[in-house]
Amino acid sequence: MDIQSMLKGIKFPINKQGLMQFIKDKKAPSEAMTMINGLPNREFTSIDDLTGELDM
């Protein structure tokens, strides 16, 4: 699973709820939804900020 390709086109800043909706709209696999669901409930300011939380 390539989470970075699924995040292509995302606009920052984005919070966890917005991120979940973005991934859902992309029809991402359940593994991606599980990864996003495990993130802290906060606003992410950049792709580096987000992928850092995902340990990528």
N, C-alpha and C. Protein backbone atom coordinates (compact mmCIF):
# COMPACT_ATOMS: atom_id res chain seq x y z
N MET A 1 0.84 -1.18 0.00
CA MET A 1 0.00 0.00 0.00
C MET A 1 0.89 1.24 0.00
N ASP A 2 0.61 2.16 -0.90
CA ASP A 2 1.38 3.39 -1.01
C ASP A 2 0.53 4.55 -0.51
N ILE A 3 0.65 4.84 0.78
CA ILE A 3 -0.16 5.89 1.39
C ILE A 3 0.17 7.25 0.78
N GLN A 4 1.42 7.47 0.39
CA GLN A 4 1.78 8.77 -0.17
C GLN A 4 1.06 9.03 -1.49
N SER A 5 0.86 8.01 -2.31
CA SER A 5 0.12 8.22 -3.55
C SER A 5 -1.35 8.50 -3.26
N MET A 6 -1.88 7.92 -2.20
CA MET A 6 -3.27 8.19 -1.82
C MET A 6 -3.45 9.60 -1.29
N LEU A 7 -2.38 10.19 -0.79
CA LEU A 7 -2.45 11.54 -0.24
C LEU A 7 -2.22 12.61 -1.30
N LYS A 8 -1.96 12.20 -2.53
CA LYS A 8 -1.72 13.16 -3.60
C LYS A 8 -2.94 14.06 -3.78
N GLY A 9 -2.69 15.36 -3.79
CA GLY A 9 -3.76 16.33 -3.97
C GLY A 9 -4.37 16.84 -2.68
N ILE A 10 -3.91 16.34 -1.55
CA ILE A 10 -4.46 16.78 -0.27
C ILE A 10 -4.04 18.21 0.01
N LYS A 11 -4.92 18.98 0.61
CA LYS A 11 -4.65 20.39 0.94
C LYS A 11 -4.42 20.51 2.44
N PHE A 12 -3.36 21.20 2.79
CA PHE A 12 -3.01 21.44 4.19
C PHE A 12 -3.29 22.89 4.52
N PRO A 13 -3.59 23.20 5.78
CA PRO A 13 -3.70 22.29 6.91
C PRO A 13 -4.97 21.44 6.82
N ILE A 14 -4.92 20.27 7.46
CA ILE A 14 -6.06 19.36 7.50
C ILE A 14 -6.07 18.66 8.85
N ASN A 15 -7.27 18.47 9.40
CA ASN A 15 -7.35 17.76 10.66
C ASN A 15 -7.63 16.28 10.40
N LYS A 16 -7.64 15.50 11.47
CA LYS A 16 -7.82 14.05 11.33
C LYS A 16 -9.14 13.72 10.66
N GLN A 17 -10.21 14.41 11.03
CA GLN A 17 -11.52 14.14 10.43
C GLN A 17 -11.50 14.43 8.93
N GLY A 18 -10.91 15.54 8.53
CA GLY A 18 -10.80 15.88 7.12
C GLY A 18 -9.95 14.87 6.36
N LEU A 19 -8.91 14.40 7.01
CA LEU A 19 -8.03 13.40 6.42
C LEU A 19 -8.78 12.08 6.21
N MET A 20 -9.57 11.68 7.20
CA MET A 20 -10.37 10.45 7.07
C MET A 20 -11.33 10.57 5.88
N GLN A 21 -11.96 11.73 5.73
CA GLN A 21 -12.89 11.93 4.62
C GLN A 21 -12.15 11.91 3.29
N PHE A 22 -10.99 12.54 3.22
CA PHE A 22 -10.19 12.56 2.00
C PHE A 22 -9.83 11.14 1.57
N ILE A 23 -9.35 10.34 2.52
CA ILE A 23 -8.97 8.95 2.23
C ILE A 23 -10.19 8.13 1.81
N LYS A 24 -11.30 8.35 2.50
CA LYS A 24 -12.55 7.63 2.17
C LYS A 24 -13.00 7.97 0.76
N ASP A 25 -12.94 9.25 0.41
CA ASP A 25 -13.33 9.69 -0.94
C ASP A 25 -12.45 9.08 -2.02
N LYS A 26 -11.20 8.77 -1.68
CA LYS A 26 -10.28 8.14 -2.63
C LYS A 26 -10.48 6.63 -2.69
N LYS A 27 -11.43 6.13 -1.89
CA LYS A 27 -11.72 4.68 -1.83
C LYS A 27 -10.47 3.88 -1.47
N ALA A 28 -9.78 4.39 -0.45
CA ALA A 28 -8.56 3.74 0.02
C ALA A 28 -8.88 2.41 0.69
N PRO A 29 -7.92 1.49 0.69
CA PRO A 29 -8.14 0.21 1.36
C PRO A 29 -8.29 0.40 2.87
N SER A 30 -8.87 -0.59 3.51
CA SER A 30 -9.11 -0.51 4.95
C SER A 30 -7.82 -0.33 5.74
N GLU A 31 -6.70 -0.82 5.22
CA GLU A 31 -5.41 -0.65 5.90
C GLU A 31 -5.07 0.84 6.04
N ALA A 32 -5.35 1.61 5.00
CA ALA A 32 -5.08 3.05 5.04
C ALA A 32 -5.99 3.72 6.05
N MET A 33 -7.25 3.33 6.08
CA MET A 33 -8.19 3.90 7.05
C MET A 33 -7.73 3.60 8.47
N THR A 34 -7.23 2.39 8.70
CA THR A 34 -6.74 2.01 10.02
C THR A 34 -5.53 2.85 10.42
N MET A 35 -4.63 3.08 9.48
CA MET A 35 -3.45 3.91 9.75
C MET A 35 -3.86 5.33 10.13
N ILE A 36 -4.77 5.90 9.36
CA ILE A 36 -5.22 7.27 9.61
C ILE A 36 -5.98 7.34 10.93
N ASN A 37 -6.79 6.34 11.20
CA ASN A 37 -7.56 6.31 12.45
C ASN A 37 -6.65 6.30 13.67
N GLY A 38 -5.44 5.76 13.54
CA GLY A 38 -4.50 5.70 14.65
C GLY A 38 -3.75 7.00 14.90
N LEU A 39 -3.96 7.99 14.05
CA LEU A 39 -3.27 9.28 14.21
C LEU A 39 -3.87 10.07 15.38
N PRO A 40 -3.08 10.96 15.97
CA PRO A 40 -3.64 11.83 17.01
C PRO A 40 -4.67 12.79 16.41
N ASN A 41 -5.59 13.21 17.24
CA ASN A 41 -6.66 14.12 16.80
C ASN A 41 -6.13 15.55 16.84
N ARG A 42 -5.49 15.96 15.76
CA ARG A 42 -4.91 17.30 15.67
C ARG A 42 -4.86 17.74 14.22
N GLU A 43 -4.43 18.98 14.01
CA GLU A 43 -4.29 19.51 12.66
C GLU A 43 -2.88 19.21 12.14
N PHE A 44 -2.82 18.76 10.90
CA PHE A 44 -1.54 18.49 10.24
C PHE A 44 -1.28 19.64 9.27
N THR A 45 -0.04 20.13 9.28
CA THR A 45 0.28 21.34 8.51
C THR A 45 0.99 21.09 7.19
N SER A 46 1.51 19.87 7.01
CA SER A 46 2.23 19.56 5.77
C SER A 46 2.29 18.05 5.58
N ILE A 47 2.70 17.63 4.40
CA ILE A 47 2.86 16.20 4.13
C ILE A 47 3.94 15.62 5.03
N ASP A 48 5.00 16.39 5.30
CA ASP A 48 6.06 15.91 6.18
C ASP A 48 5.55 15.72 7.61
N ASP A 49 4.72 16.64 8.06
CA ASP A 49 4.11 16.54 9.39
C ASP A 49 3.27 15.27 9.47
N LEU A 50 2.46 15.04 8.47
CA LEU A 50 1.57 13.87 8.44
C LEU A 50 2.35 12.57 8.34
N THR A 51 3.27 12.48 7.40
CA THR A 51 4.01 11.23 7.23
C THR A 51 4.92 10.95 8.43
N GLY A 52 5.36 12.01 9.11
CA GLY A 52 6.14 11.82 10.34
C GLY A 52 5.32 11.11 11.41
N GLU A 53 4.06 11.47 11.51
CA GLU A 53 3.17 10.80 12.47
C GLU A 53 2.89 9.37 12.05
N LEU A 54 2.94 9.10 10.76
CA LEU A 54 2.69 7.75 10.26
C LEU A 54 3.95 6.89 10.28
N ASP A 55 5.06 7.45 10.79
CA ASP A 55 6.35 6.75 10.84
C ASP A 55 6.80 6.28 9.47
N MET A 56 6.71 7.15 8.48
CA MET A 56 7.10 6.81 7.11
C MET A 56 8.47 7.38 6.83
